[in-house]
Amino acid sequence: MEEASPAPDNDEQAKVKALADYIEFFNSVGASASCPACGNKTWAVQDDPPKNLVPGLMLQGRSKTGPQRMEQFMPVIMVICQKCGFMRNHAREVFSAWQEKKKGTPNE
Protein backbone atom coordinates (compact mmCIF):
# COMPACT_ATOMS: atom_id res chain seq x y z
CA MET A 1 0.00 0.00 0.00
CA GLU A 2 1.36 3.39 -0.98
CA GLU A 3 1.71 6.10 1.57
CA ALA A 4 -0.46 9.09 0.79
CA SER A 5 1.21 12.47 0.70
CA PRO A 6 -0.35 14.91 3.11
CA ALA A 7 -2.43 17.59 1.45
CA PRO A 8 -0.85 21.03 1.63
CA ASP A 9 -2.35 23.12 4.41
CA ASN A 10 -4.07 26.43 3.77
CA ASP A 11 -0.95 28.43 4.71
CA GLU A 12 1.15 26.53 2.19
CA GLN A 13 -1.49 26.94 -0.52
CA ALA A 14 -1.67 30.67 0.20
CA LYS A 15 2.13 30.98 -0.10
CA VAL A 16 2.14 29.17 -3.45
CA LYS A 17 -0.69 31.41 -4.72
CA ALA A 18 1.11 34.54 -3.50
CA LEU A 19 4.35 33.50 -5.21
CA ALA A 20 2.47 32.85 -8.48
CA ASP A 21 0.86 36.31 -8.17
CA TYR A 22 4.26 37.97 -7.59
CA ILE A 23 5.75 36.24 -10.64
CA GLU A 24 2.77 37.23 -12.79
CA PHE A 25 3.00 40.82 -11.51
CA PHE A 26 6.74 41.13 -12.19
CA ASN A 27 6.30 39.66 -15.68
CA SER A 28 3.33 41.92 -16.47
CA VAL A 29 5.24 45.09 -15.61
CA GLY A 30 8.41 44.00 -17.42
CA ALA A 31 10.59 43.70 -14.32
CA SER A 32 14.06 42.44 -15.20
CA ALA A 33 14.76 38.88 -14.12
CA SER A 34 18.51 39.53 -14.01
CA CYS A 35 20.19 40.61 -10.78
CA PRO A 36 21.86 44.00 -11.36
CA ALA A 37 24.80 42.95 -9.17
CA CYS A 38 25.68 39.48 -10.51
CA GLY A 39 23.35 38.70 -13.45
CA ASN A 40 21.77 35.69 -11.73
CA LYS A 41 18.10 35.00 -12.50
CA THR A 42 17.13 33.00 -9.40
CA TRP A 43 15.22 35.00 -6.79
CA ALA A 44 13.36 34.36 -3.55
CA VAL A 45 10.46 36.47 -2.32
CA GLN A 46 10.61 37.29 1.39
CA ASP A 47 6.93 37.15 2.21
CA ASP A 48 6.97 35.19 5.46
CA PRO A 49 8.93 37.35 7.90
CA PRO A 50 9.32 36.35 11.54
CA LYS A 51 6.47 37.08 13.95
CA ASN A 52 4.18 38.32 11.16
CA LEU A 53 6.25 41.44 10.59
CA VAL A 54 5.70 43.27 7.31
CA PRO A 55 8.84 43.98 5.26
CA GLY A 56 9.11 47.70 4.64
CA LEU A 57 11.16 50.85 4.54
CA MET A 58 11.06 53.54 7.20
CA LEU A 59 11.07 56.92 5.47
CA GLN A 60 12.20 59.89 7.51
CA GLY A 61 12.33 63.53 6.66
CA ARG A 62 11.89 67.06 7.89
CA SER A 63 8.96 69.33 7.24
CA LYS A 64 9.53 72.21 4.82
CA THR A 65 7.62 74.49 7.18
CA GLY A 66 9.74 73.95 10.27
CA PRO A 67 11.87 71.63 12.36
CA GLN A 68 9.14 68.99 12.63
CA ARG A 69 10.43 65.49 11.94
CA MET A 70 8.17 63.15 9.97
CA GLU A 71 8.23 59.38 9.61
CA GLN A 72 6.33 57.11 7.29
CA PHE A 73 6.41 53.34 6.82
CA MET A 74 6.27 51.95 3.28
CA PRO A 75 5.41 48.22 3.00
CA VAL A 76 7.46 46.44 0.32
CA ILE A 77 7.82 43.12 -1.41
CA MET A 78 11.42 42.13 -0.77
CA VAL A 79 13.04 40.02 -3.51
CA ILE A 80 16.45 38.47 -2.78
CA CYS A 81 19.00 37.19 -5.32
CA GLN A 82 19.83 33.58 -4.46
CA LYS A 83 23.44 33.92 -5.69
CA CYS A 84 24.78 37.17 -4.23
CA GLY A 85 22.05 38.25 -1.79
CA PHE A 86 21.24 41.51 -3.56
CA MET A 87 17.89 42.75 -2.24
CA ARG A 88 15.42 44.72 -4.28
CA ASN A 89 12.21 46.18 -2.95
CA HIS A 90 8.93 46.78 -4.76
CA ALA A 91 6.22 48.99 -3.24
CA ARG A 92 3.48 46.70 -1.96
CA GLU A 93 0.94 49.46 -2.75
CA VAL A 94 1.66 49.12 -6.49
CA PHE A 95 1.36 45.32 -6.30
CA SER A 96 -1.93 45.61 -4.37
CA ALA A 97 -3.35 48.02 -6.97
CA TRP A 98 -2.36 45.55 -9.71
CA GLN A 99 -4.12 42.75 -7.80
CA GLU A 100 -7.31 44.82 -7.46
CA LYS A 101 -7.27 45.65 -11.16
CA LYS A 102 -6.72 41.97 -11.98
CA LYS A 103 -9.72 40.96 -9.82
CA GLY A 104 -11.92 43.20 -11.94
CA THR A 105 -10.66 41.63 -15.18
CA PRO A 106 -12.42 38.49 -16.48
CA ASN A 107 -10.17 35.43 -16.80
CA GLU A 108 -8.70 34.99 -20.24
PDB file of N, CA and C in Angstrom:
ATOM      1  N   MET A   1       0.841  -1.180   0.000  1.00  0.00           N
ATOM      2  CA  MET A   1       0.000   0.000   0.000  1.00  0.00           C
ATOM      3  C   MET A   1       0.885   1.243   0.000  1.00  0.00           C
ATOM      4  N   GLU A   2       0.568   2.172  -0.890  1.00  0.00           N
ATOM      5  CA  GLU A   2       1.358   3.389  -0.981  1.00  0.00           C
ATOM      6  C   GLU A   2       0.970   4.361   0.116  1.00  0.00           C
ATOM      7  N   GLU A   3       1.973   5.073   0.573  1.00  0.00           N
ATOM      8  CA  GLU A   3       1.713   6.100   1.575  1.00  0.00           C
ATOM      9  C   GLU A   3       1.179   7.345   0.883  1.00  0.00           C
ATOM     10  N   ALA A   4       0.115   7.876   1.378  1.00  0.00           N
ATOM     11  CA  ALA A   4      -0.458   9.090   0.786  1.00  0.00           C
ATOM     12  C   ALA A   4       0.318  10.310   1.255  1.00  0.00           C
ATOM     13  N   SER A   5       0.563  11.216   0.331  1.00  0.00           N
ATOM     14  CA  SER A   5       1.214  12.471   0.701  1.00  0.00           C
ATOM     15  C   SER A   5       0.191  13.353   1.389  1.00  0.00           C
ATOM     16  N   PRO A   6       0.604  14.028   2.449  1.00  0.00           N
ATOM     17  CA  PRO A   6      -0.352  14.914   3.113  1.00  0.00           C
ATOM     18  C   PRO A   6      -0.731  16.067   2.188  1.00  0.00           C
ATOM     19  N   ALA A   7      -1.976  16.447   2.250  1.00  0.00           N
ATOM     20  CA  ALA A   7      -2.433  17.589   1.448  1.00  0.00           C
ATOM     21  C   ALA A   7      -1.802  18.857   2.005  1.00  0.00           C
ATOM     22  N   PRO A   8      -1.421  19.786   1.124  1.00  0.00           N
ATOM     23  CA  PRO A   8      -0.849  21.030   1.633  1.00  0.00           C
ATOM     24  C   PRO A   8      -1.883  21.784   2.463  1.00  0.00           C
ATOM     25  N   ASP A   9      -1.420  22.371   3.573  1.00  0.00           N
ATOM     26  CA  ASP A   9      -2.353  23.119   4.411  1.00  0.00           C
ATOM     27  C   ASP A   9      -2.675  24.469   3.761  1.00  0.00           C
ATOM     28  N   ASN A  10      -3.627  25.159   4.344  1.00  0.00           N
ATOM     29  CA  ASN A  10      -4.071  26.434   3.771  1.00  0.00           C
ATOM     30  C   ASN A  10      -2.953  27.458   3.699  1.00  0.00           C
ATOM     31  N   ASP A  11      -2.071  27.486   4.726  1.00  0.00           N
ATOM     32  CA  ASP A  11      -0.952  28.430   4.715  1.00  0.00           C
ATOM     33  C   ASP A  11      -0.042  28.166   3.525  1.00  0.00           C
ATOM     34  N   GLU A  12       0.263  26.899   3.293  1.00  0.00           N
ATOM     35  CA  GLU A  12       1.149  26.534   2.188  1.00  0.00           C
ATOM     36  C   GLU A  12       0.504  26.877   0.846  1.00  0.00           C
ATOM     37  N   GLN A  13      -0.780  26.601   0.712  1.00  0.00           N
ATOM     38  CA  GLN A  13      -1.492  26.939  -0.524  1.00  0.00           C
ATOM     39  C   GLN A  13      -1.495  28.449  -0.750  1.00  0.00           C
ATOM     40  N   ALA A  14      -1.674  29.206   0.312  1.00  0.00           N
ATOM     41  CA  ALA A  14      -1.675  30.668   0.203  1.00  0.00           C
ATOM     42  C   ALA A  14      -0.303  31.174  -0.235  1.00  0.00           C
ATOM     43  N   LYS A  15       0.774  30.566   0.287  1.00  0.00           N
ATOM     44  CA  LYS A  15       2.132  30.975  -0.097  1.00  0.00           C
ATOM     45  C   LYS A  15       2.389  30.696  -1.572  1.00  0.00           C
ATOM     46  N   VAL A  16       1.955  29.527  -2.041  1.00  0.00           N
ATOM     47  CA  VAL A  16       2.141  29.166  -3.447  1.00  0.00           C
ATOM     48  C   VAL A  16       1.364  30.135  -4.338  1.00  0.00           C
ATOM     49  N   LYS A  17       0.130  30.462  -3.955  1.00  0.00           N
ATOM     50  CA  LYS A  17      -0.692  31.406  -4.720  1.00  0.00           C
ATOM     51  C   LYS A  17      -0.046  32.785  -4.732  1.00  0.00           C
ATOM     52  N   ALA A  18       0.460  33.228  -3.580  1.00  0.00           N
ATOM     53  CA  ALA A  18       1.105  34.541  -3.495  1.00  0.00           C
ATOM     54  C   ALA A  18       2.334  34.588  -4.395  1.00  0.00           C
ATOM     55  N   LEU A  19       3.149  33.534  -4.377  1.00  0.00           N
ATOM     56  CA  LEU A  19       4.346  33.498  -5.214  1.00  0.00           C
ATOM     57  C   LEU A  19       3.959  33.558  -6.689  1.00  0.00           C
ATOM     58  N   ALA A  20       2.934  32.820  -7.082  1.00  0.00           N
ATOM     59  CA  ALA A  20       2.468  32.851  -8.477  1.00  0.00           C
ATOM     60  C   ALA A  20       2.000  34.259  -8.849  1.00  0.00           C
ATOM     61  N   ASP A  21       1.312  34.940  -7.924  1.00  0.00           N
ATOM     62  CA  ASP A  21       0.863  36.314  -8.174  1.00  0.00           C
ATOM     63  C   ASP A  21       2.047  37.259  -8.332  1.00  0.00           C
ATOM     64  N   TYR A  22       3.072  37.112  -7.482  1.00  0.00           N
ATOM     65  CA  TYR A  22       4.259  37.973  -7.590  1.00  0.00           C
ATOM     66  C   TYR A  22       4.930  37.778  -8.942  1.00  0.00           C
ATOM     67  N   ILE A  23       5.100  36.524  -9.353  1.00  0.00           N
ATOM     68  CA  ILE A  23       5.750  36.241 -10.635  1.00  0.00           C
ATOM     69  C   ILE A  23       4.941  36.845 -11.779  1.00  0.00           C
ATOM     70  N   GLU A  24       3.626  36.666 -11.739  1.00  0.00           N
ATOM     71  CA  GLU A  24       2.766  37.230 -12.785  1.00  0.00           C
ATOM     72  C   GLU A  24       2.865  38.757 -12.797  1.00  0.00           C
ATOM     73  N   PHE A  25       2.875  39.362 -11.612  1.00  0.00           N
ATOM     74  CA  PHE A  25       2.996  40.818 -11.511  1.00  0.00           C
ATOM     75  C   PHE A  25       4.312  41.292 -12.114  1.00  0.00           C
ATOM     76  N   PHE A  26       5.430  40.701 -11.690  1.00  0.00           N
ATOM     77  CA  PHE A  26       6.740  41.127 -12.186  1.00  0.00           C
ATOM     78  C   PHE A  26       6.828  40.969 -13.705  1.00  0.00           C
ATOM     79  N   ASN A  27       6.301  39.865 -14.230  1.00  0.00           N
ATOM     80  CA  ASN A  27       6.303  39.660 -15.683  1.00  0.00           C
ATOM     81  C   ASN A  27       5.432  40.692 -16.391  1.00  0.00           C
ATOM     82  N   SER A  28       4.264  40.998 -15.813  1.00  0.00           N
ATOM     83  CA  SER A  28       3.330  41.917 -16.472  1.00  0.00           C
ATOM     84  C   SER A  28       3.855  43.347 -16.541  1.00  0.00           C
ATOM     85  N   VAL A  29       4.704  43.727 -15.594  1.00  0.00           N
ATOM     86  CA  VAL A  29       5.241  45.092 -15.607  1.00  0.00           C
ATOM     87  C   VAL A  29       6.618  45.165 -16.259  1.00  0.00           C
ATOM     88  N   GLY A  30       7.121  44.023 -16.734  1.00  0.00           N
ATOM     89  CA  GLY A  30       8.406  44.002 -17.424  1.00  0.00           C
ATOM     90  C   GLY A  30       9.611  44.098 -16.506  1.00  0.00           C
ATOM     91  N   ALA A  31       9.462  43.669 -15.256  1.00  0.00           N
ATOM     92  CA  ALA A  31      10.591  43.705 -14.320  1.00  0.00           C
ATOM     93  C   ALA A  31      11.696  42.777 -14.818  1.00  0.00           C
ATOM     94  N   SER A  32      12.925  43.240 -14.754  1.00  0.00           N
ATOM     95  CA  SER A  32      14.060  42.438 -15.201  1.00  0.00           C
ATOM     96  C   SER A  32      14.249  41.239 -14.291  1.00  0.00           C
ATOM     97  N   ALA A  33      14.510  40.088 -14.896  1.00  0.00           N
ATOM     98  CA  ALA A  33      14.756  38.881 -14.116  1.00  0.00           C
ATOM     99  C   ALA A  33      16.219  38.782 -13.703  1.00  0.00           C
ATOM    100  N   SER A  34      17.082  39.593 -14.304  1.00  0.00           N
ATOM    101  CA  SER A  34      18.513  39.527 -14.009  1.00  0.00           C
ATOM    102  C   SER A  34      18.869  40.397 -12.812  1.00  0.00           C
ATOM    103  N   CYS A  35      19.683  39.846 -11.922  1.00  0.00           N
ATOM    104  CA  CYS A  35      20.187  40.612 -10.783  1.00  0.00           C
ATOM    105  C   CYS A  35      21.135  41.691 -11.307  1.00  0.00           C
ATOM    106  N   PRO A  36      20.964  42.952 -10.890  1.00  0.00           N
ATOM    107  CA  PRO A  36      21.857  44.005 -11.364  1.00  0.00           C
ATOM    108  C   PRO A  36      23.277  43.875 -10.822  1.00  0.00           C
ATOM    109  N   ALA A  37      23.471  43.102  -9.757  1.00  0.00           N
ATOM    110  CA  ALA A  37      24.801  42.953  -9.170  1.00  0.00           C
ATOM    111  C   ALA A  37      25.595  41.807  -9.797  1.00  0.00           C
ATOM    112  N   CYS A  38      24.923  40.650 -10.047  1.00  0.00           N
ATOM    113  CA  CYS A  38      25.675  39.482 -10.514  1.00  0.00           C
ATOM    114  C   CYS A  38      25.112  38.830 -11.777  1.00  0.00           C
ATOM    115  N   GLY A  39      23.943  39.261 -12.242  1.00  0.00           N
ATOM    116  CA  GLY A  39      23.353  38.704 -13.451  1.00  0.00           C
ATOM    117  C   GLY A  39      22.542  37.434 -13.246  1.00  0.00           C
ATOM    118  N   ASN A  40      22.532  36.905 -12.036  1.00  0.00           N
ATOM    119  CA  ASN A  40      21.768  35.693 -11.732  1.00  0.00           C
ATOM    120  C   ASN A  40      20.275  35.933 -11.971  1.00  0.00           C
ATOM    121  N   LYS A  41      19.544  34.862 -12.266  1.00  0.00           N
ATOM    122  CA  LYS A  41      18.103  35.000 -12.503  1.00  0.00           C
ATOM    123  C   LYS A  41      17.273  34.175 -11.526  1.00  0.00           C
ATOM    124  N   THR A  42      17.856  33.770 -10.406  1.00  0.00           N
ATOM    125  CA  THR A  42      17.127  33.001  -9.397  1.00  0.00           C
ATOM    126  C   THR A  42      16.894  33.889  -8.179  1.00  0.00           C
ATOM    127  N   TRP A  43      15.614  34.097  -7.866  1.00  0.00           N
ATOM    128  CA  TRP A  43      15.222  35.002  -6.793  1.00  0.00           C
ATOM    129  C   TRP A  43      14.333  34.291  -5.784  1.00  0.00           C
ATOM    130  N   ALA A  44      14.297  34.818  -4.582  1.00  0.00           N
ATOM    131  CA  ALA A  44      13.361  34.361  -3.552  1.00  0.00           C
ATOM    132  C   ALA A  44      12.582  35.585  -3.079  1.00  0.00           C
ATOM    133  N   VAL A  45      11.301  35.387  -2.839  1.00  0.00           N
ATOM    134  CA  VAL A  45      10.463  36.472  -2.323  1.00  0.00           C
ATOM    135  C   VAL A  45      10.347  36.298  -0.820  1.00  0.00           C
ATOM    136  N   GLN A  46      10.718  37.329  -0.066  1.00  0.00           N
ATOM    137  CA  GLN A  46      10.606  37.293   1.388  1.00  0.00           C
ATOM    138  C   GLN A  46       9.204  37.754   1.754  1.00  0.00           C
ATOM    139  N   ASP A  47       8.304  36.783   1.895  1.00  0.00           N
ATOM    140  CA  ASP A  47       6.926  37.147   2.208  1.00  0.00           C
ATOM    141  C   ASP A  47       6.435  36.451   3.470  1.00  0.00           C
ATOM    142  N   ASP A  48       7.347  35.882   4.226  1.00  0.00           N
ATOM    143  CA  ASP A  48       6.972  35.187   5.457  1.00  0.00           C
ATOM    144  C   ASP A  48       7.945  35.591   6.561  1.00  0.00           C
ATOM    145  N   PRO A  49       7.971  36.884   6.896  1.00  0.00           N
ATOM    146  CA  PRO A  49       8.928  37.347   7.895  1.00  0.00           C
ATOM    147  C   PRO A  49       8.592  36.822   9.282  1.00  0.00           C
ATOM    148  N   PRO A  50       9.563  36.838  10.178  1.00  0.00           N
ATOM    149  CA  PRO A  50       9.323  36.350  11.537  1.00  0.00           C
ATOM    150  C   PRO A  50       8.247  37.157  12.261  1.00  0.00           C
ATOM    151  N   LYS A  51       7.477  36.459  13.078  1.00  0.00           N
ATOM    152  CA  LYS A  51       6.466  37.079  13.949  1.00  0.00           C
ATOM    153  C   LYS A  51       5.494  37.978  13.195  1.00  0.00           C
ATOM    154  N   ASN A  52       5.158  37.580  11.971  1.00  0.00           N
ATOM    155  CA  ASN A  52       4.183  38.318  11.160  1.00  0.00           C
ATOM    156  C   ASN A  52       4.542  39.785  10.943  1.00  0.00           C
ATOM    157  N   LEU A  53       5.818  40.083  10.899  1.00  0.00           N
ATOM    158  CA  LEU A  53       6.247  41.442  10.593  1.00  0.00           C
ATOM    159  C   LEU A  53       6.070  41.679   9.097  1.00  0.00           C
ATOM    160  N   VAL A  54       5.849  42.913   8.713  1.00  0.00           N
ATOM    161  CA  VAL A  54       5.697  43.268   7.308  1.00  0.00           C
ATOM    162  C   VAL A  54       6.998  43.898   6.829  1.00  0.00           C
ATOM    163  N   PRO A  55       7.633  43.343   5.779  1.00  0.00           N
ATOM    164  CA  PRO A  55       8.840  43.985   5.260  1.00  0.00           C
ATOM    165  C   PRO A  55       8.502  45.395   4.785  1.00  0.00           C
ATOM    166  N   GLY A  56       9.386  46.337   5.063  1.00  0.00           N
ATOM    167  CA  GLY A  56       9.114  47.699   4.642  1.00  0.00           C
ATOM    168  C   GLY A  56      10.298  48.613   4.849  1.00  0.00           C
ATOM    169  N   LEU A  57      10.139  49.820   4.396  1.00  0.00           N
ATOM    170  CA  LEU A  57      11.158  50.853   4.544  1.00  0.00           C
ATOM    171  C   LEU A  57      10.610  51.941   5.451  1.00  0.00           C
ATOM    172  N   MET A  58      11.436  52.420   6.346  1.00  0.00           N
ATOM    173  CA  MET A  58      11.060  53.539   7.195  1.00  0.00           C
ATOM    174  C   MET A  58      11.596  54.804   6.528  1.00  0.00           C
ATOM    175  N   LEU A  59      10.697  55.665   6.120  1.00  0.00           N
ATOM    176  CA  LEU A  59      11.071  56.916   5.470  1.00  0.00           C
ATOM    177  C   LEU A  59      11.050  58.022   6.511  1.00  0.00           C
ATOM    178  N   GLN A  60      12.125  58.786   6.562  1.00  0.00           N
ATOM    179  CA  GLN A  60      12.199  59.887   7.515  1.00  0.00           C
ATOM    180  C   GLN A  60      12.527  61.169   6.771  1.00  0.00           C
ATOM    181  N   GLY A  61      12.044  62.250   7.284  1.00  0.00           N
ATOM    182  CA  GLY A  61      12.325  63.532   6.662  1.00  0.00           C
ATOM    183  C   GLY A  61      11.980  64.668   7.597  1.00  0.00           C
ATOM    184  N   ARG A  62      12.216  65.864   7.121  1.00  0.00           N
ATOM    185  CA  ARG A  62      11.886  67.061   7.893  1.00  0.00           C
ATOM    186  C   ARG A  62      10.852  67.865   7.117  1.00  0.00           C
ATOM    187  N   SER A  63       9.988  68.508   7.849  1.00  0.00           N
ATOM    188  CA  SER A  63       8.956  69.333   7.242  1.00  0.00           C
ATOM    189  C   SER A  63       9.584  70.567   6.599  1.00  0.00           C
ATOM    190  N   LYS A  64       9.048  70.994   5.471  1.00  0.00           N
ATOM    191  CA  LYS A  64       9.532  72.213   4.815  1.00  0.00           C
ATOM    192  C   LYS A  64       9.136  73.456   5.594  1.00  0.00           C
ATOM    193  N   THR A  65       8.129  73.322   6.453  1.00  0.00           N
ATOM    194  CA  THR A  65       7.623  74.489   7.177  1.00  0.00           C
ATOM    195  C   THR A  65       8.258  74.675   8.548  1.00  0.00           C
ATOM    196  N   GLY A  66       9.127  73.800   8.950  1.00  0.00           N
ATOM    197  CA  GLY A  66       9.737  73.951  10.265  1.00  0.00           C
ATOM    198  C   GLY A  66      10.545  72.729  10.661  1.00  0.00           C
ATOM    199  N   PRO A  67      10.982  72.697  11.911  1.00  0.00           N
ATOM    200  CA  PRO A  67      11.869  71.631  12.362  1.00  0.00           C
ATOM    201  C   PRO A  67      11.165  70.308  12.673  1.00  0.00           C
ATOM    202  N   GLN A  68       9.894  70.193  12.321  1.00  0.00           N
ATOM    203  CA  GLN A  68       9.142  68.986  12.633  1.00  0.00           C
ATOM    204  C   GLN A  68       9.709  67.794  11.854  1.00  0.00           C
ATOM    205  N   ARG A  69       9.931  66.710  12.567  1.00  0.00           N
ATOM    206  CA  ARG A  69      10.433  65.490  11.940  1.00  0.00           C
ATOM    207  C   ARG A  69       9.244  64.592  11.598  1.00  0.00           C
ATOM    208  N   MET A  70       9.279  63.995  10.408  1.00  0.00           N
ATOM    209  CA  MET A  70       8.175  63.150   9.974  1.00  0.00           C
ATOM    210  C   MET A  70       8.699  61.753   9.649  1.00  0.00           C
ATOM    211  N   GLU A  71       7.885  60.752   9.935  1.00  0.00           N
ATOM    212  CA  GLU A  71       8.235  59.376   9.610  1.00  0.00           C
ATOM    213  C   GLU A  71       7.059  58.724   8.903  1.00  0.00           C
ATOM    214  N   GLN A  72       7.368  57.853   7.989  1.00  0.00           N
ATOM    215  CA  GLN A  72       6.332  57.108   7.293  1.00  0.00           C
ATOM    216  C   GLN A  72       6.880  55.718   6.993  1.00  0.00           C
ATOM    217  N   PHE A  73       6.026  54.723   7.106  1.00  0.00           N
ATOM    218  CA  PHE A  73       6.407  53.344   6.824  1.00  0.00           C
ATOM    219  C   PHE A  73       5.857  52.957   5.459  1.00  0.00           C
ATOM    220  N   MET A  74       6.701  52.385   4.608  1.00  0.00           N
ATOM    221  CA  MET A  74       6.273  51.946   3.280  1.00  0.00           C
ATOM    222  C   MET A  74       6.434  50.433   3.177  1.00  0.00           C
ATOM    223  N   PRO A  75       5.325  49.671   3.157  1.00  0.00           N
ATOM    224  CA  PRO A  75       5.410  48.220   3.002  1.00  0.00           C
ATOM    225  C   PRO A  75       5.974  47.864   1.623  1.00  0.00           C
ATOM    226  N   VAL A  76       6.832  46.854   1.580  1.00  0.00           N
ATOM    227  CA  VAL A  76       7.461  46.444   0.322  1.00  0.00           C
ATOM    228  C   VAL A  76       7.387  44.935   0.142  1.00  0.00           C
ATOM    229  N   ILE A  77       7.576  44.525  -1.096  1.00  0.00           N
ATOM    230  CA  ILE A  77       7.817  43.125  -1.409  1.00  0.00           C
ATOM    231  C   ILE A  77       9.324  43.027  -1.586  1.00  0.00           C
ATOM    232  N   MET A  78       9.980  42.263  -0.731  1.00  0.00           N
ATOM    233  CA  MET A  78      11.424  42.125  -0.773  1.00  0.00           C
ATOM    234  C   MET A  78      11.778  40.892  -1.604  1.00  0.00           C
ATOM    235  N   VAL A  79      12.616  41.099  -2.621  1.00  0.00           N
ATOM    236  CA  VAL A  79      13.039  40.022  -3.505  1.00  0.00           C
ATOM    237  C   VAL A  79      14.555  39.904  -3.369  1.00  0.00           C
ATOM    238  N   ILE A  80      15.042  38.675  -3.108  1.00  0.00           N
ATOM    239  CA  ILE A  80      16.451  38.468  -2.781  1.00  0.00           C
ATOM    240  C   ILE A  80      17.110  37.551  -3.803  1.00  0.00           C
ATOM    241  N   CYS A  81      18.226  38.006  -4.384  1.00  0.00           N
ATOM    242  CA  CYS A  81      18.998  37.186  -5.322  1.00  0.00           C
ATOM    243  C   CYS A  81      19.569  35.986  -4.568  1.00  0.00           C
ATOM    244  N   GLN A  82      19.384  34.806  -5.125  1.00  0.00           N
ATOM    245  CA  GLN A  82      19.833  33.583  -4.461  1.00  0.00           C
ATOM    246  C   GLN A  82      21.309  33.289  -4.681  1.00  0.00           C
ATOM    247  N   LYS A  83      21.997  34.107  -5.483  1.00  0.00           N
ATOM    248  CA  LYS A  83      23.438  33.919  -5.693  1.00  0.00           C
ATOM    249  C   LYS A  83      24.256  34.889  -4.837  1.00  0.00           C
ATOM    250  N   CYS A  84      23.942  36.189  -4.925  1.00  0.00           N
ATOM    251  CA  CYS A  84      24.784  37.173  -4.233  1.00  0.00           C
ATOM    252  C   CYS A  84      24.094  37.852  -3.052  1.00  0.00           C
ATOM    253  N   GLY A  85      22.773  37.654  -2.910  1.00  0.00           N
ATOM    254  CA  GLY A  85      22.053  38.252  -1.790  1.00  0.00           C
ATOM    255  C   GLY A  85      21.565  39.667  -2.031  1.00  0.00           C
ATOM    256  N   PHE A  86      21.746  40.180  -3.244  1.00  0.00           N
ATOM    257  CA  PHE A  86      21.238  41.514  -3.560  1.00  0.00           C
ATOM    258  C   PHE A  86      19.745  41.552  -3.252  1.00  0.00           C
ATOM    259  N   MET A  87      19.304  42.619  -2.581  1.00  0.00           N
ATOM    260  CA  MET A  87      17.888  42.754  -2.236  1.00  0.00           C
ATOM    261  C   MET A  87      17.293  43.912  -3.018  1.00  0.00           C
ATOM    262  N   ARG A  88      16.151  43.642  -3.637  1.00  0.00           N
ATOM    263  CA  ARG A  88      15.422  44.723  -4.284  1.00  0.00           C
ATOM    264  C   ARG A  88      14.032  44.771  -3.668  1.00  0.00           C
ATOM    265  N   ASN A  89      13.513  45.971  -3.582  1.00  0.00           N
ATOM    266  CA  ASN A  89      12.211  46.181  -2.951  1.00  0.00           C
ATOM    267  C   ASN A  89      11.237  46.769  -3.960  1.00  0.00           C
ATOM    268  N   HIS A  90      10.010  46.277  -3.915  1.00  0.00           N
ATOM    269  CA  HIS A  90       8.934  46.782  -4.762  1.00  0.00           C
ATOM    270  C   HIS A  90       7.813  47.247  -3.840  1.00  0.00           C
ATOM    271  N   ALA A  91       7.284  48.437  -4.091  1.00  0.00           N
ATOM    272  CA  ALA A  91       6.224  48.991  -3.244  1.00  0.00           C
ATOM    273  C   ALA A  91       5.004  48.070  -3.257  1.00  0.00           C
ATOM    274  N   ARG A  92       4.627  47.599  -2.080  1.00  0.00           N
ATOM    275  CA  ARG A  92       3.477  46.698  -1.961  1.00  0.00           C
ATOM    276  C   ARG A  92       2.193  47.385  -2.446  1.00  0.00           C
ATOM    277  N   GLU A  93       2.118  48.703  -2.310  1.00  0.00           N
ATOM    278  CA  GLU A  93       0.937  49.457  -2.748  1.00  0.00           C
ATOM    279  C   GLU A  93       0.700  49.286  -4.255  1.00  0.00           C
ATOM    280  N   VAL A  94       1.778  49.293  -5.042  1.00  0.00           N
ATOM    281  CA  VAL A  94       1.659  49.121  -6.493  1.00  0.00           C
ATOM    282  C   VAL A  94       1.199  47.698  -6.809  1.00  0.00           C
ATOM    283  N   PHE A  95       1.772  46.719  -6.107  1.00  0.00           N
ATOM    284  CA  PHE A  95       1.360  45.324  -6.296  1.00  0.00           C
ATOM    285  C   PHE A  95      -0.114  45.147  -5.928  1.00  0.00           C
ATOM    286  N   SER A  96      -0.533  45.729  -4.811  1.00  0.00           N
ATOM    287  CA  SER A  96      -1.929  45.609  -4.366  1.00  0.00           C
ATOM    288  C   SER A  96      -2.889  46.234  -5.375  1.00  0.00           C
ATOM    289  N   ALA A  97      -2.505  47.380  -5.955  1.00  0.00           N
ATOM    290  CA  ALA A  97      -3.348  48.024  -6.975  1.00  0.00           C
ATOM    291  C   ALA A  97      -3.456  47.122  -8.204  1.00  0.00           C
ATOM    292  N   TRP A  98      -2.350  46.486  -8.580  1.00  0.00           N
ATOM    293  CA  TRP A  98      -2.362  45.547  -9.714  1.00  0.00           C
ATOM    294  C   TRP A  98      -3.300  44.381  -9.420  1.00  0.00           C
ATOM    295  N   GLN A  99      -3.238  43.858  -8.184  1.00  0.00           N
ATOM    296  CA  GLN A  99      -4.122  42.748  -7.800  1.00  0.00           C
ATOM    297  C   GLN A  99      -5.593  43.153  -7.902  1.00  0.00           C
ATOM    298  N   GLU A 100      -5.922  44.343  -7.415  1.00  0.00           N
ATOM    299  CA  GLU A 100      -7.307  44.817  -7.459  1.00  0.00           C
ATOM    300  C   GLU A 100      -7.784  44.962  -8.900  1.00  0.00           C
ATOM    301  N   LYS A 101      -6.922  45.505  -9.743  1.00  0.00           N
ATOM    302  CA  LYS A 101      -7.271  45.655 -11.159  1.00  0.00           C
ATOM    303  C   LYS A 101      -7.480  44.279 -11.791  1.00  0.00           C
ATOM    304  N   LYS A 102      -6.631  43.329 -11.432  1.00  0.00           N
ATOM    305  CA  LYS A 102      -6.725  41.972 -11.980  1.00  0.00           C
ATOM    306  C   LYS A 102      -8.036  41.306 -11.545  1.00  0.00           C
ATOM    307  N   LYS A 103      -8.457  41.540 -10.308  1.00  0.00           N
ATOM    308  CA  LYS A 103      -9.717  40.961  -9.816  1.00  0.00           C
ATOM    309  C   LYS A 103     -10.903  41.421 -10.650  1.00  0.00           C
ATOM    310  N   GLY A 104     -10.831  42.650 -11.143  1.00  0.00           N
ATOM    311  CA  GLY A 104     -11.919  43.197 -11.938  1.00  0.00           C
ATOM    312  C   GLY A 104     -11.880  42.786 -13.400  1.00  0.00           C
ATOM    313  N   THR A 105     -10.816  42.064 -13.797  1.00  0.00           N
ATOM    314  CA  THR A 105     -10.663  41.628 -15.183  1.00  0.00           C
ATOM    315  C   THR A 105     -11.121  40.187 -15.323  1.00  0.00           C
ATOM    316  N   PRO A 106     -12.005  39.888 -16.284  1.00  0.00           N
ATOM    317  CA  PRO A 106     -12.422  38.489 -16.476  1.00  0.00           C
ATOM    318  C   PRO A 106     -11.236  37.614 -16.875  1.00  0.00           C
ATOM    319  N   ASN A 107     -11.250  36.360 -16.441  1.00  0.00           N
ATOM    320  CA  ASN A 107     -10.170  35.431 -16.796  1.00  0.00           C
ATOM    321  C   ASN A 107     -10.113  35.243 -18.298  1.00  0.00           C
ATOM    322  N   GLU A 108      -8.882  35.178 -18.803  1.00  0.00           N
ATOM    323  CA  GLU A 108      -8.699  34.995 -20.242  1.00  0.00           C
ATOM    324  C   GLU A 108      -8.759  33.535 -20.598  1.00  0.00           C
TER     325      GLU A 108
END
